[in-house]
Amino acid sequence: MVSNDDLINTVVQTIKEKKASDIVKLKVGEVTEITDSFIICTSQSDVHSRALADAILEELENKGVSAHHLEGYELGRWVLLDYLDFVIHIFLPKQRAYYGLERLWGDVPKEEYSDEKQD
């Protein structure tokens, strides 16, 4: 079985390759039972949001893991992929600023990922 850390690393690498920006992981599991981690990134357009979601869904499906829930895909302004132990949020810049998940969860450990692709 693939660990959550491995799955999250796969998500981060996938969205880096697809040019997502401002990628962060919030370790919310210390303060809520909702999930262990949020992975948050910014997309450039609604089409880009859907492409990021499609790539994540495909990569994790290849590892035998399916999303429990998907929201916002049609509009592409805030796409949420729920994998139970971690939740991925793909935002357009305006929506990310408005909802401010990093501000709301500002007291949890945060890991930022460089926008540069790692080989």
PDB file of N, CA and C in Angstrom:
ATOM      1  N   MET A   1       0.840  -1.192   0.000  1.00  0.00           N
ATOM      2  CA  MET A   1       0.000   0.000   0.000  1.00  0.00           C
ATOM      3  C   MET A   1       0.882   1.251   0.000  1.00  0.00           C
ATOM      4  N   VAL A   2       0.477   2.245  -0.757  1.00  0.00           N
ATOM      5  CA  VAL A   2       1.237   3.482  -0.889  1.00  0.00           C
ATOM      6  C   VAL A   2       0.929   4.394   0.301  1.00  0.00           C
ATOM      7  N   SER A   3       1.955   5.004   0.881  1.00  0.00           N
ATOM      8  CA  SER A   3       1.749   5.884   2.036  1.00  0.00           C
ATOM      9  C   SER A   3       1.162   7.226   1.590  1.00  0.00           C
ATOM     10  N   ASN A   4       0.535   7.905   2.546  1.00  0.00           N
ATOM     11  CA  ASN A   4      -0.005   9.233   2.252  1.00  0.00           C
ATOM     12  C   ASN A   4       1.090  10.203   1.845  1.00  0.00           C
ATOM     13  N   ASP A   5       2.254  10.114   2.472  1.00  0.00           N
ATOM     14  CA  ASP A   5       3.373  10.980   2.098  1.00  0.00           C
ATOM     15  C   ASP A   5       3.766  10.764   0.643  1.00  0.00           C
ATOM     16  N   ASP A   6       3.809   9.502   0.212  1.00  0.00           N
ATOM     17  CA  ASP A   6       4.127   9.201  -1.189  1.00  0.00           C
ATOM     18  C   ASP A   6       3.058   9.749  -2.122  1.00  0.00           C
ATOM     19  N   LEU A   7       1.803   9.617  -1.730  1.00  0.00           N
ATOM     20  CA  LEU A   7       0.714  10.135  -2.557  1.00  0.00           C
ATOM     21  C   LEU A   7       0.779  11.661  -2.654  1.00  0.00           C
ATOM     22  N   ILE A   8       1.044  12.311  -1.530  1.00  0.00           N
ATOM     23  CA  ILE A   8       1.153  13.771  -1.531  1.00  0.00           C
ATOM     24  C   ILE A   8       2.340  14.204  -2.384  1.00  0.00           C
ATOM     25  N   ASN A   9       3.455  13.494  -2.293  1.00  0.00           N
ATOM     26  CA  ASN A   9       4.609  13.810  -3.145  1.00  0.00           C
ATOM     27  C   ASN A   9       4.252  13.664  -4.619  1.00  0.00           C
ATOM     28  N   THR A  10       3.474  12.650  -4.948  1.00  0.00           N
ATOM     29  CA  THR A  10       3.015  12.457  -6.322  1.00  0.00           C
ATOM     30  C   THR A  10       2.152  13.641  -6.756  1.00  0.00           C
ATOM     31  N   VAL A  11       1.255  14.070  -5.882  1.00  0.00           N
ATOM     32  CA  VAL A  11       0.396  15.221  -6.187  1.00  0.00           C
ATOM     33  C   VAL A  11       1.248  16.457  -6.444  1.00  0.00           C
ATOM     34  N   VAL A  12       2.185  16.727  -5.550  1.00  0.00           N
ATOM     35  CA  VAL A  12       3.022  17.931  -5.678  1.00  0.00           C
ATOM     36  C   VAL A  12       3.825  17.885  -6.973  1.00  0.00           C
ATOM     37  N   GLN A  13       4.452  16.765  -7.270  1.00  0.00           N
ATOM     38  CA  GLN A  13       5.225  16.653  -8.512  1.00  0.00           C
ATOM     39  C   GLN A  13       4.336  16.824  -9.738  1.00  0.00           C
ATOM     40  N   THR A  14       3.147  16.246  -9.693  1.00  0.00           N
ATOM     41  CA  THR A  14       2.217  16.334 -10.818  1.00  0.00           C
ATOM     42  C   THR A  14       1.795  17.774 -11.065  1.00  0.00           C
ATOM     43  N   ILE A  15       1.428  18.484 -10.019  1.00  0.00           N
ATOM     44  CA  ILE A  15       0.954  19.853 -10.226  1.00  0.00           C
ATOM     45  C   ILE A  15       2.101  20.813 -10.554  1.00  0.00           C
ATOM     46  N   LYS A  16       3.304  20.494 -10.091  1.00  0.00           N
ATOM     47  CA  LYS A  16       4.475  21.278 -10.519  1.00  0.00           C
ATOM     48  C   LYS A  16       4.687  21.120 -12.017  1.00  0.00           C
ATOM     49  N   GLU A  17       4.621  19.876 -12.482  1.00  0.00           N
ATOM     50  CA  GLU A  17       4.815  19.609 -13.911  1.00  0.00           C
ATOM     51  C   GLU A  17       3.754  20.296 -14.757  1.00  0.00           C
ATOM     52  N   LYS A  18       2.578  20.460 -14.196  1.00  0.00           N
ATOM     53  CA  LYS A  18       1.470  21.110 -14.921  1.00  0.00           C
ATOM     54  C   LYS A  18       1.405  22.608 -14.648  1.00  0.00           C
ATOM     55  N   LYS A  19       2.469  23.146 -14.045  1.00  0.00           N
ATOM     56  CA  LYS A  19       2.639  24.592 -13.866  1.00  0.00           C
ATOM     57  C   LYS A  19       1.704  25.252 -12.860  1.00  0.00           C
ATOM     58  N   ALA A  20       1.295  24.522 -11.833  1.00  0.00           N
ATOM     59  CA  ALA A  20       0.581  25.165 -10.722  1.00  0.00           C
ATOM     60  C   ALA A  20       1.587  26.030  -9.975  1.00  0.00           C
ATOM     61  N   SER A  21       1.094  27.037  -9.267  1.00  0.00           N
ATOM     62  CA  SER A  21       1.996  27.909  -8.514  1.00  0.00           C
ATOM     63  C   SER A  21       1.560  27.994  -7.059  1.00  0.00           C
ATOM     64  N   ASP A  22       2.451  28.559  -6.234  1.00  0.00           N
ATOM     65  CA  ASP A  22       2.176  28.789  -4.814  1.00  0.00           C
ATOM     66  C   ASP A  22       1.646  27.536  -4.118  1.00  0.00           C
ATOM     67  N   ILE A  23       2.381  26.453  -4.247  1.00  0.00           N
ATOM     68  CA  ILE A  23       1.969  25.162  -3.697  1.00  0.00           C
ATOM     69  C   ILE A  23       2.363  25.088  -2.222  1.00  0.00           C
ATOM     70  N   VAL A  24       1.387  24.793  -1.370  1.00  0.00           N
ATOM     71  CA  VAL A  24       1.649  24.634   0.056  1.00  0.00           C
ATOM     72  C   VAL A  24       0.889  23.422   0.593  1.00  0.00           C
ATOM     73  N   LYS A  25       1.420  22.883   1.681  1.00  0.00           N
ATOM     74  CA  LYS A  25       0.718  21.828   2.419  1.00  0.00           C
ATOM     75  C   LYS A  25       0.499  22.344   3.830  1.00  0.00           C
ATOM     76  N   LEU A  26      -0.742  22.291   4.276  1.00  0.00           N
ATOM     77  CA  LEU A  26      -1.092  22.644   5.645  1.00  0.00           C
ATOM     78  C   LEU A  26      -1.394  21.360   6.388  1.00  0.00           C
ATOM     79  N   LYS A  27      -0.720  21.148   7.503  1.00  0.00           N
ATOM     80  CA  LYS A  27      -0.924  19.937   8.305  1.00  0.00           C
ATOM     81  C   LYS A  27      -2.021  20.223   9.332  1.00  0.00           C
ATOM     82  N   VAL A  28      -3.260  20.102   8.895  1.00  0.00           N
ATOM     83  CA  VAL A  28      -4.413  20.480   9.713  1.00  0.00           C
ATOM     84  C   VAL A  28      -4.847  19.385  10.675  1.00  0.00           C
ATOM     85  N   GLY A  29      -4.303  18.204  10.547  1.00  0.00           N
ATOM     86  CA  GLY A  29      -4.706  17.076  11.381  1.00  0.00           C
ATOM     87  C   GLY A  29      -4.480  17.269  12.869  1.00  0.00           C
ATOM     88  N   GLU A  30      -3.608  18.207  13.216  1.00  0.00           N
ATOM     89  CA  GLU A  30      -3.343  18.469  14.634  1.00  0.00           C
ATOM     90  C   GLU A  30      -4.469  19.249  15.308  1.00  0.00           C
ATOM     91  N   VAL A  31      -5.304  19.926  14.493  1.00  0.00           N
ATOM     92  CA  VAL A  31      -6.359  20.770  15.065  1.00  0.00           C
ATOM     93  C   VAL A  31      -7.770  20.411  14.597  1.00  0.00           C
ATOM     94  N   THR A  32      -7.898  19.431  13.704  1.00  0.00           N
ATOM     95  CA  THR A  32      -9.215  19.020  13.224  1.00  0.00           C
ATOM     96  C   THR A  32      -9.209  17.538  12.869  1.00  0.00           C
ATOM     97  N   GLU A  33     -10.383  16.952  12.892  1.00  0.00           N
ATOM     98  CA  GLU A  33     -10.520  15.554  12.485  1.00  0.00           C
ATOM     99  C   GLU A  33     -10.979  15.422  11.046  1.00  0.00           C
ATOM    100  N   ILE A  34     -11.168  16.544  10.358  1.00  0.00           N
ATOM    101  CA  ILE A  34     -11.660  16.542   8.976  1.00  0.00           C
ATOM    102  C   ILE A  34     -10.718  15.747   8.067  1.00  0.00           C
ATOM    103  N   THR A  35      -9.429  16.042   8.159  1.00  0.00           N
ATOM    104  CA  THR A  35      -8.410  15.433   7.313  1.00  0.00           C
ATOM    105  C   THR A  35      -7.051  15.690   7.951  1.00  0.00           C
ATOM    106  N   ASP A  36      -6.016  15.065   7.424  1.00  0.00           N
ATOM    107  CA  ASP A  36      -4.674  15.286   7.948  1.00  0.00           C
ATOM    108  C   ASP A  36      -3.987  16.493   7.314  1.00  0.00           C
ATOM    109  N   SER A  37      -4.178  16.662   5.997  1.00  0.00           N
ATOM    110  CA  SER A  37      -3.463  17.717   5.286  1.00  0.00           C
ATOM    111  C   SER A  37      -4.316  18.329   4.183  1.00  0.00           C
ATOM    112  N   PHE A  38      -4.059  19.611   3.942  1.00  0.00           N
ATOM    113  CA  PHE A  38      -4.563  20.306   2.762  1.00  0.00           C
ATOM    114  C   PHE A  38      -3.364  20.555   1.859  1.00  0.00           C
ATOM    115  N   ILE A  39      -3.516  20.288   0.579  1.00  0.00           N
ATOM    116  CA  ILE A  39      -2.538  20.710  -0.417  1.00  0.00           C
ATOM    117  C   ILE A  39      -3.256  21.792  -1.218  1.00  0.00           C
ATOM    118  N   ILE A  40      -2.649  22.969  -1.278  1.00  0.00           N
ATOM    119  CA  ILE A  40      -3.270  24.126  -1.919  1.00  0.00           C
ATOM    120  C   ILE A  40      -2.353  24.612  -3.033  1.00  0.00           C
ATOM    121  N   CYS A  41      -2.955  24.941  -4.182  1.00  0.00           N
ATOM    122  CA  CYS A  41      -2.171  25.516  -5.268  1.00  0.00           C
ATOM    123  C   CYS A  41      -3.035  26.505  -6.042  1.00  0.00           C
ATOM    124  N   THR A  42      -2.364  27.284  -6.876  1.00  0.00           N
ATOM    125  CA  THR A  42      -3.040  28.274  -7.704  1.00  0.00           C
ATOM    126  C   THR A  42      -2.905  27.875  -9.171  1.00  0.00           C
ATOM    127  N   SER A  43      -4.009  28.016  -9.897  1.00  0.00           N
ATOM    128  CA  SER A  43      -4.020  27.761 -11.331  1.00  0.00           C
ATOM    129  C   SER A  43      -4.147  29.085 -12.079  1.00  0.00           C
ATOM    130  N   GLN A  44      -3.937  29.037 -13.370  1.00  0.00           N
ATOM    131  CA  GLN A  44      -3.958  30.253 -14.188  1.00  0.00           C
ATOM    132  C   GLN A  44      -5.316  30.532 -14.821  1.00  0.00           C
ATOM    133  N   SER A  45      -6.162  29.520 -14.914  1.00  0.00           N
ATOM    134  CA  SER A  45      -7.469  29.667 -15.560  1.00  0.00           C
ATOM    135  C   SER A  45      -8.353  28.501 -15.161  1.00  0.00           C
ATOM    136  N   ASP A  46      -9.637  28.587 -15.496  1.00  0.00           N
ATOM    137  CA  ASP A  46     -10.532  27.470 -15.197  1.00  0.00           C
ATOM    138  C   ASP A  46     -10.121  26.212 -15.958  1.00  0.00           C
ATOM    139  N   VAL A  47      -9.656  26.383 -17.188  1.00  0.00           N
ATOM    140  CA  VAL A  47      -9.183  25.242 -17.979  1.00  0.00           C
ATOM    141  C   VAL A  47      -7.953  24.618 -17.302  1.00  0.00           C
ATOM    142  N   HIS A  48      -7.054  25.472 -16.809  1.00  0.00           N
ATOM    143  CA  HIS A  48      -5.861  24.992 -16.114  1.00  0.00           C
ATOM    144  C   HIS A  48      -6.252  24.231 -14.844  1.00  0.00           C
ATOM    145  N   SER A  49      -7.242  24.744 -14.112  1.00  0.00           N
ATOM    146  CA  SER A  49      -7.715  24.059 -12.899  1.00  0.00           C
ATOM    147  C   SER A  49      -8.188  22.651 -13.221  1.00  0.00           C
ATOM    148  N   ARG A  50      -8.982  22.525 -14.272  1.00  0.00           N
ATOM    149  CA  ARG A  50      -9.483  21.199 -14.647  1.00  0.00           C
ATOM    150  C   ARG A  50      -8.348  20.287 -15.113  1.00  0.00           C
ATOM    151  N   ALA A  51      -7.368  20.848 -15.831  1.00  0.00           N
ATOM    152  CA  ALA A  51      -6.221  20.043 -16.278  1.00  0.00           C
ATOM    153  C   ALA A  51      -5.415  19.544 -15.073  1.00  0.00           C
ATOM    154  N   LEU A  52      -5.228  20.404 -14.072  1.00  0.00           N
ATOM    155  CA  LEU A  52      -4.533  19.982 -12.850  1.00  0.00           C
ATOM    156  C   LEU A  52      -5.307  18.864 -12.157  1.00  0.00           C
ATOM    157  N   ALA A  53      -6.614  19.050 -12.015  1.00  0.00           N
ATOM    158  CA  ALA A  53      -7.448  18.031 -11.373  1.00  0.00           C
ATOM    159  C   ALA A  53      -7.389  16.718 -12.141  1.00  0.00           C
ATOM    160  N   ASP A  54      -7.497  16.788 -13.461  1.00  0.00           N
ATOM    161  CA  ASP A  54      -7.439  15.576 -14.290  1.00  0.00           C
ATOM    162  C   ASP A  54      -6.114  14.844 -14.097  1.00  0.00           C
ATOM    163  N   ALA A  55      -5.019  15.609 -14.071  1.00  0.00           N
ATOM    164  CA  ALA A  55      -3.696  14.994 -13.910  1.00  0.00           C
ATOM    165  C   ALA A  55      -3.563  14.317 -12.544  1.00  0.00           C
ATOM    166  N   ILE A  56      -4.053  14.979 -11.498  1.00  0.00           N
ATOM    167  CA  ILE A  56      -4.009  14.390 -10.155  1.00  0.00           C
ATOM    168  C   ILE A  56      -4.840  13.120 -10.104  1.00  0.00           C
ATOM    169  N   LEU A  57      -6.067  13.206 -10.587  1.00  0.00           N
ATOM    170  CA  LEU A  57      -6.952  12.046 -10.582  1.00  0.00           C
ATOM    171  C   LEU A  57      -6.310  10.862 -11.308  1.00  0.00           C
ATOM    172  N   GLU A  58      -5.705  11.124 -12.455  1.00  0.00           N
ATOM    173  CA  GLU A  58      -5.075  10.058 -13.240  1.00  0.00           C
ATOM    174  C   GLU A  58      -3.859   9.466 -12.531  1.00  0.00           C
ATOM    175  N   GLU A  59      -2.984  10.329 -12.017  1.00  0.00           N
ATOM    176  CA  GLU A  59      -1.772   9.839 -11.352  1.00  0.00           C
ATOM    177  C   GLU A  59      -2.105   9.003 -10.115  1.00  0.00           C
ATOM    178  N   LEU A  60      -3.054   9.470  -9.314  1.00  0.00           N
ATOM    179  CA  LEU A  60      -3.397   8.710  -8.106  1.00  0.00           C
ATOM    180  C   LEU A  60      -4.186   7.448  -8.443  1.00  0.00           C
ATOM    181  N   GLU A  61      -5.000   7.523  -9.482  1.00  0.00           N
ATOM    182  CA  GLU A  61      -5.720   6.324  -9.940  1.00  0.00           C
ATOM    183  C   GLU A  61      -4.716   5.256 -10.378  1.00  0.00           C
ATOM    184  N   ASN A  62      -3.634   5.694 -11.032  1.00  0.00           N
ATOM    185  CA  ASN A  62      -2.571   4.760 -11.439  1.00  0.00           C
ATOM    186  C   ASN A  62      -1.915   4.095 -10.238  1.00  0.00           C
ATOM    187  N   LYS A  63      -1.997   4.726  -9.077  1.00  0.00           N
ATOM    188  CA  LYS A  63      -1.454   4.154  -7.836  1.00  0.00           C
ATOM    189  C   LYS A  63      -2.534   3.405  -7.055  1.00  0.00           C
ATOM    190  N   GLY A  64      -3.710   3.253  -7.657  1.00  0.00           N
ATOM    191  CA  GLY A  64      -4.777   2.494  -7.030  1.00  0.00           C
ATOM    192  C   GLY A  64      -5.615   3.277  -6.036  1.00  0.00           C
ATOM    193  N   VAL A  65      -5.555   4.614  -6.103  1.00  0.00           N
ATOM    194  CA  VAL A  65      -6.269   5.449  -5.148  1.00  0.00           C
ATOM    195  C   VAL A  65      -7.254   6.338  -5.900  1.00  0.00           C
ATOM    196  N   SER A  66      -8.512   6.287  -5.491  1.00  0.00           N
ATOM    197  CA  SER A  66      -9.554   7.107  -6.118  1.00  0.00           C
ATOM    198  C   SER A  66      -9.992   8.206  -5.174  1.00  0.00           C
ATOM    199  N   ALA A  67     -10.387   9.323  -5.753  1.00  0.00           N
ATOM    200  CA  ALA A  67     -10.910  10.432  -4.950  1.00  0.00           C
ATOM    201  C   ALA A  67     -12.234  10.017  -4.320  1.00  0.00           C
ATOM    202  N   HIS A  68     -12.405  10.390  -3.071  1.00  0.00           N
ATOM    203  CA  HIS A  68     -13.662  10.137  -2.374  1.00  0.00           C
ATOM    204  C   HIS A  68     -14.729  11.126  -2.842  1.00  0.00           C
ATOM    205  N   HIS A  69     -14.304  12.354  -3.136  1.00  0.00           N
ATOM    206  CA  HIS A  69     -15.248  13.416  -3.493  1.00  0.00           C
ATOM    207  C   HIS A  69     -14.543  14.449  -4.369  1.00  0.00           C
ATOM    208  N   LEU A  70     -15.275  15.002  -5.314  1.00  0.00           N
ATOM    209  CA  LEU A  70     -14.771  16.037  -6.211  1.00  0.00           C
ATOM    210  C   LEU A  70     -15.806  17.148  -6.286  1.00  0.00           C
ATOM    211  N   GLU A  71     -15.352  18.394  -6.103  1.00  0.00           N
ATOM    212  CA  GLU A  71     -16.257  19.548  -6.177  1.00  0.00           C
ATOM    213  C   GLU A  71     -15.635  20.647  -7.009  1.00  0.00           C
ATOM    214  N   GLY A  72     -16.474  21.429  -7.674  1.00  0.00           N
ATOM    215  CA  GLY A  72     -16.044  22.634  -8.355  1.00  0.00           C
ATOM    216  C   GLY A  72     -15.403  22.435  -9.703  1.00  0.00           C
ATOM    217  N   TYR A  73     -15.393  21.229 -10.195  1.00  0.00           N
ATOM    218  CA  TYR A  73     -14.705  20.917 -11.444  1.00  0.00           C
ATOM    219  C   TYR A  73     -15.308  21.668 -12.633  1.00  0.00           C
ATOM    220  N   GLU A  74     -16.613  21.753 -12.684  1.00  0.00           N
ATOM    221  CA  GLU A  74     -17.281  22.351 -13.843  1.00  0.00           C
ATOM    222  C   GLU A  74     -16.878  23.816 -14.029  1.00  0.00           C
ATOM    223  N   LEU A  75     -16.879  24.592 -12.949  1.00  0.00           N
ATOM    224  CA  LEU A  75     -16.539  26.017 -13.046  1.00  0.00           C
ATOM    225  C   LEU A  75     -15.037  26.257 -13.006  1.00  0.00           C
ATOM    226  N   GLY A  76     -14.310  25.422 -12.293  1.00  0.00           N
ATOM    227  CA  GLY A  76     -12.861  25.498 -12.266  1.00  0.00           C
ATOM    228  C   GLY A  76     -12.270  26.657 -11.485  1.00  0.00           C
ATOM    229  N   ARG A  77     -13.072  27.325 -10.674  1.00  0.00           N
ATOM    230  CA  ARG A  77     -12.542  28.446  -9.880  1.00  0.00           C
ATOM    231  C   ARG A  77     -11.922  27.962  -8.580  1.00  0.00           C
ATOM    232  N   TRP A  78     -12.531  26.944  -7.980  1.00  0.00           N
ATOM    233  CA  TRP A  78     -12.005  26.288  -6.778  1.00  0.00           C
ATOM    234  C   TRP A  78     -12.376  24.822  -6.920  1.00  0.00           C
ATOM    235  N   VAL A  79     -11.406  24.020  -7.275  1.00  0.00           N
ATOM    236  CA  VAL A  79     -11.631  22.585  -7.432  1.00  0.00           C
ATOM    237  C   VAL A  79     -11.111  21.899  -6.175  1.00  0.00           C
ATOM    238  N   LEU A  80     -11.940  21.071  -5.589  1.00  0.00           N
ATOM    239  CA  LEU A  80     -11.588  20.346  -4.372  1.00  0.00           C
ATOM    240  C   LEU A  80     -11.592  18.857  -4.683  1.00  0.00           C
ATOM    241  N   LEU A  81     -10.481  18.198  -4.379  1.00  0.00           N
ATOM    242  CA  LEU A  81     -10.372  16.741  -4.521  1.00  0.00           C
ATOM    243  C   LEU A  81     -10.138  16.179  -3.130  1.00  0.00           C
ATOM    244  N   ASP A  82     -11.086  15.408  -2.644  1.00  0.00           N
ATOM    245  CA  ASP A  82     -11.027  14.863  -1.289  1.00  0.00           C
ATOM    246  C   ASP A  82     -10.589  13.404  -1.346  1.00  0.00           C
ATOM    247  N   TYR A  83      -9.433  13.134  -0.746  1.00  0.00           N
ATOM    248  CA  TYR A  83      -8.904  11.780  -0.645  1.00  0.00           C
ATOM    249  C   TYR A  83      -8.946  11.278   0.796  1.00  0.00           C
ATOM    250  N   LEU A  84      -9.830  11.874   1.596  1.00  0.00           N
ATOM    251  CA  LEU A  84     -10.056  11.571   3.001  1.00  0.00           C
ATOM    252  C   LEU A  84      -8.870  11.955   3.891  1.00  0.00           C
ATOM    253  N   ASP A  85      -7.704  11.342   3.712  1.00  0.00           N
ATOM    254  CA  ASP A  85      -6.548  11.667   4.552  1.00  0.00           C
ATOM    255  C   ASP A  85      -5.894  12.987   4.138  1.00  0.00           C
ATOM    256  N   PHE A  86      -6.147  13.423   2.924  1.00  0.00           N
ATOM    257  CA  PHE A  86      -5.673  14.725   2.451  1.00  0.00           C
ATOM    258  C   PHE A  86      -6.674  15.270   1.443  1.00  0.00           C
ATOM    259  N   VAL A  87      -6.744  16.595   1.391  1.00  0.00           N
ATOM    260  CA  VAL A  87      -7.672  17.280   0.499  1.00  0.00           C
ATOM    261  C   VAL A  87      -6.871  18.267  -0.345  1.00  0.00           C
ATOM    262  N   ILE A  88      -7.093  18.245  -1.644  1.00  0.00           N
ATOM    263  CA  ILE A  88      -6.391  19.123  -2.565  1.00  0.00           C
ATOM    264  C   ILE A  88      -7.332  20.249  -2.978  1.00  0.00           C
ATOM    265  N   HIS A  89      -6.827  21.486  -2.870  1.00  0.00           N
ATOM    266  CA  HIS A  89      -7.577  22.677  -3.258  1.00  0.00           C
ATOM    267  C   HIS A  89      -6.840  23.342  -4.417  1.00  0.00           C
ATOM    268  N   ILE A  90      -7.506  23.466  -5.547  1.00  0.00           N
ATOM    269  CA  ILE A  90      -6.941  24.149  -6.716  1.00  0.00           C
ATOM    270  C   ILE A  90      -7.753  25.430  -6.902  1.00  0.00           C
ATOM    271  N   PHE A  91      -7.102  26.565  -6.734  1.00  0.00           N
ATOM    272  CA  PHE A  91      -7.781  27.856  -6.779  1.00  0.00           C
ATOM    273  C   PHE A  91      -7.319  28.712  -7.950  1.00  0.00           C
ATOM    274  N   LEU A  92      -8.235  29.511  -8.484  1.00  0.00           N
ATOM    275  CA  LEU A  92      -7.834  30.660  -9.279  1.00  0.00           C
ATOM    276  C   LEU A  92      -7.333  31.714  -8.293  1.00  0.00           C
ATOM    277  N   PRO A  93      -6.455  32.627  -8.702  1.00  0.00           N
ATOM    278  CA  PRO A  93      -5.877  33.593  -7.761  1.00  0.00           C
ATOM    279  C   PRO A  93      -6.912  34.387  -6.960  1.00  0.00           C
ATOM    280  N   LYS A  94      -7.950  34.866  -7.616  1.00  0.00           N
ATOM    281  CA  LYS A  94      -8.963  35.678  -6.925  1.00  0.00           C
ATOM    282  C   LYS A  94      -9.676  34.873  -5.831  1.00  0.00           C
ATOM    283  N   GLN A  95     -10.038  33.646  -6.123  1.00  0.00           N
ATOM    284  CA  GLN A  95     -10.722  32.795  -5.147  1.00  0.00           C
ATOM    285  C   GLN A  95      -9.787  32.403  -4.004  1.00  0.00           C
ATOM    286  N   ARG A  96      -8.528  32.160  -4.323  1.00  0.00           N
ATOM    287  CA  ARG A  96      -7.584  31.803  -3.265  1.00  0.00           C
ATOM    288  C   ARG A  96      -7.424  32.956  -2.282  1.00  0.00           C
ATOM    289  N   ALA A  97      -7.315  34.159  -2.804  1.00  0.00           N
ATOM    290  CA  ALA A  97      -7.189  35.341  -1.936  1.00  0.00           C
ATOM    291  C   ALA A  97      -8.461  35.545  -1.117  1.00  0.00           C
ATOM    292  N   TYR A  98      -9.615  35.361  -1.735  1.00  0.00           N
ATOM    293  CA  TYR A  98     -10.886  35.590  -1.055  1.00  0.00           C
ATOM    294  C   TYR A  98     -11.107  34.606   0.096  1.00  0.00           C
ATOM    295  N   TYR A  99     -10.907  33.322  -0.173  1.00  0.00           N
ATOM    296  CA  TYR A  99     -11.183  32.306   0.853  1.00  0.00           C
ATOM    297  C   TYR A  99     -10.064  32.191   1.882  1.00  0.00           C
ATOM    298  N   GLY A 100      -8.853  32.517   1.525  1.00  0.00           N
ATOM    299  CA  GLY A 100      -7.746  32.618   2.475  1.00  0.00           C
ATOM    300  C   GLY A 100      -7.557  31.433   3.394  1.00  0.00           C
ATOM    301  N   LEU A 101      -7.486  30.243   2.851  1.00  0.00           N
ATOM    302  CA  LEU A 101      -7.320  29.059   3.699  1.00  0.00           C
ATOM    303  C   LEU A 101      -6.054  29.138   4.542  1.00  0.00           C
ATOM    304  N   GLU A 102      -4.987  29.710   3.997  1.00  0.00           N
ATOM    305  CA  GLU A 102      -3.751  29.831   4.778  1.00  0.00           C
ATOM    306  C   GLU A 102      -3.949  30.751   5.981  1.00  0.00           C
ATOM    307  N   ARG A 103      -4.783  31.773   5.831  1.00  0.00           N
ATOM    308  CA  ARG A 103      -5.079  32.651   6.977  1.00  0.00           C
ATOM    309  C   ARG A 103      -5.958  31.923   7.988  1.00  0.00           C
ATOM    310  N   LEU A 104      -6.979  31.225   7.501  1.00  0.00           N
ATOM    311  CA  LEU A 104      -7.901  30.512   8.400  1.00  0.00           C
ATOM    312  C   LEU A 104      -7.191  29.432   9.213  1.00  0.00           C
ATOM    313  N   TRP A 105      -6.227  28.787   8.598  1.00  0.00           N
ATOM    314  CA  TRP A 105      -5.496  27.692   9.236  1.00  0.00           C
ATOM    315  C   TRP A 105      -4.068  28.130   9.553  1.00  0.00           C
ATOM    316  N   GLY A 106      -3.882  29.403   9.875  1.00  0.00           N
ATOM    317  CA  GLY A 106      -2.568  29.982  10.075  1.00  0.00           C
ATOM    318  C   GLY A 106      -1.782  29.425  11.247  1.00  0.00           C
ATOM    319  N   ASP A 107      -2.444  28.710  12.152  1.00  0.00           N
ATOM    320  CA  ASP A 107      -1.759  28.186  13.334  1.00  0.00           C
ATOM    321  C   ASP A 107      -1.264  26.749  13.151  1.00  0.00           C
ATOM    322  N   VAL A 108      -1.388  26.186  11.950  1.00  0.00           N
ATOM    323  CA  VAL A 108      -0.945  24.811  11.719  1.00  0.00           C
ATOM    324  C   VAL A 108       0.398  24.817  10.988  1.00  0.00           C
ATOM    325  N   PRO A 109       1.159  23.734  11.118  1.00  0.00           N
ATOM    326  CA  PRO A 109       2.422  23.646  10.375  1.00  0.00           C
ATOM    327  C   PRO A 109       2.178  23.741   8.871  1.00  0.00           C
ATOM    328  N   LYS A 110       3.071  24.460   8.207  1.00  0.00           N
ATOM    329  CA  LYS A 110       2.923  24.726   6.778  1.00  0.00           C
ATOM    330  C   LYS A 110       4.213  24.358   6.059  1.00  0.00           C
ATOM    331  N   GLU A 111       4.072  23.679   4.936  1.00  0.00           N
ATOM    332  CA  GLU A 111       5.222  23.346   4.100  1.00  0.00           C
ATOM    333  C   GLU A 111       4.988  23.975   2.732  1.00  0.00           C
ATOM    334  N   GLU A 112       5.947  24.791   2.287  1.00  0.00           N
ATOM    335  CA  GLU A 112       5.842  25.437   0.980  1.00  0.00           C
ATOM    336  C   GLU A 112       6.729  24.701  -0.009  1.00  0.00           C
ATOM    337  N   TYR A 113       6.253  24.598  -1.249  1.00  0.00           N
ATOM    338  CA  TYR A 113       7.005  23.922  -2.293  1.00  0.00           C
ATOM    339  C   TYR A 113       7.389  24.931  -3.369  1.00  0.00           C
ATOM    340  N   SER A 114       8.612  24.846  -3.812  1.00  0.00           N
ATOM    341  CA  SER A 114       9.083  25.713  -4.881  1.00  0.00           C
ATOM    342  C   SER A 114       8.263  25.458  -6.140  1.00  0.00           C
ATOM    343  N   ASP A 115       8.038  26.528  -6.921  1.00  0.00           N
ATOM    344  CA  ASP A 115       7.328  26.378  -8.183  1.00  0.00           C
ATOM    345  C   ASP A 115       8.189  25.710  -9.249  1.00  0.00           C
ATOM    346  N   GLU A 116       9.491  25.593  -8.983  1.00  0.00           N
ATOM    347  CA  GLU A 116      10.389  24.985  -9.956  1.00  0.00           C
ATOM    348  C   GLU A 116      10.242  23.467  -9.925  1.00  0.00           C
ATOM    349  N   LYS A 117      10.259  22.892 -11.109  1.00  0.00           N
ATOM    350  CA  LYS A 117      10.172  21.440 -11.236  1.00  0.00           C
ATOM    351  C   LYS A 117      11.470  20.803 -10.759  1.00  0.00           C
ATOM    352  N   GLN A 118      11.346  19.736  -9.969  1.00  0.00           N
ATOM    353  CA  GLN A 118      12.521  18.997  -9.515  1.00  0.00           C
ATOM    354  C   GLN A 118      12.705  17.772 -10.391  1.00  0.00           C
ATOM    355  N   ASP A 119      13.957  17.479 -10.756  1.00  0.00           N
ATOM    356  CA  ASP A 119      14.228  16.293 -11.566  1.00  0.00           C
ATOM    357  C   ASP A 119      14.695  15.144 -10.706  1.00  0.00           C
TER     358      ASP A 119
END
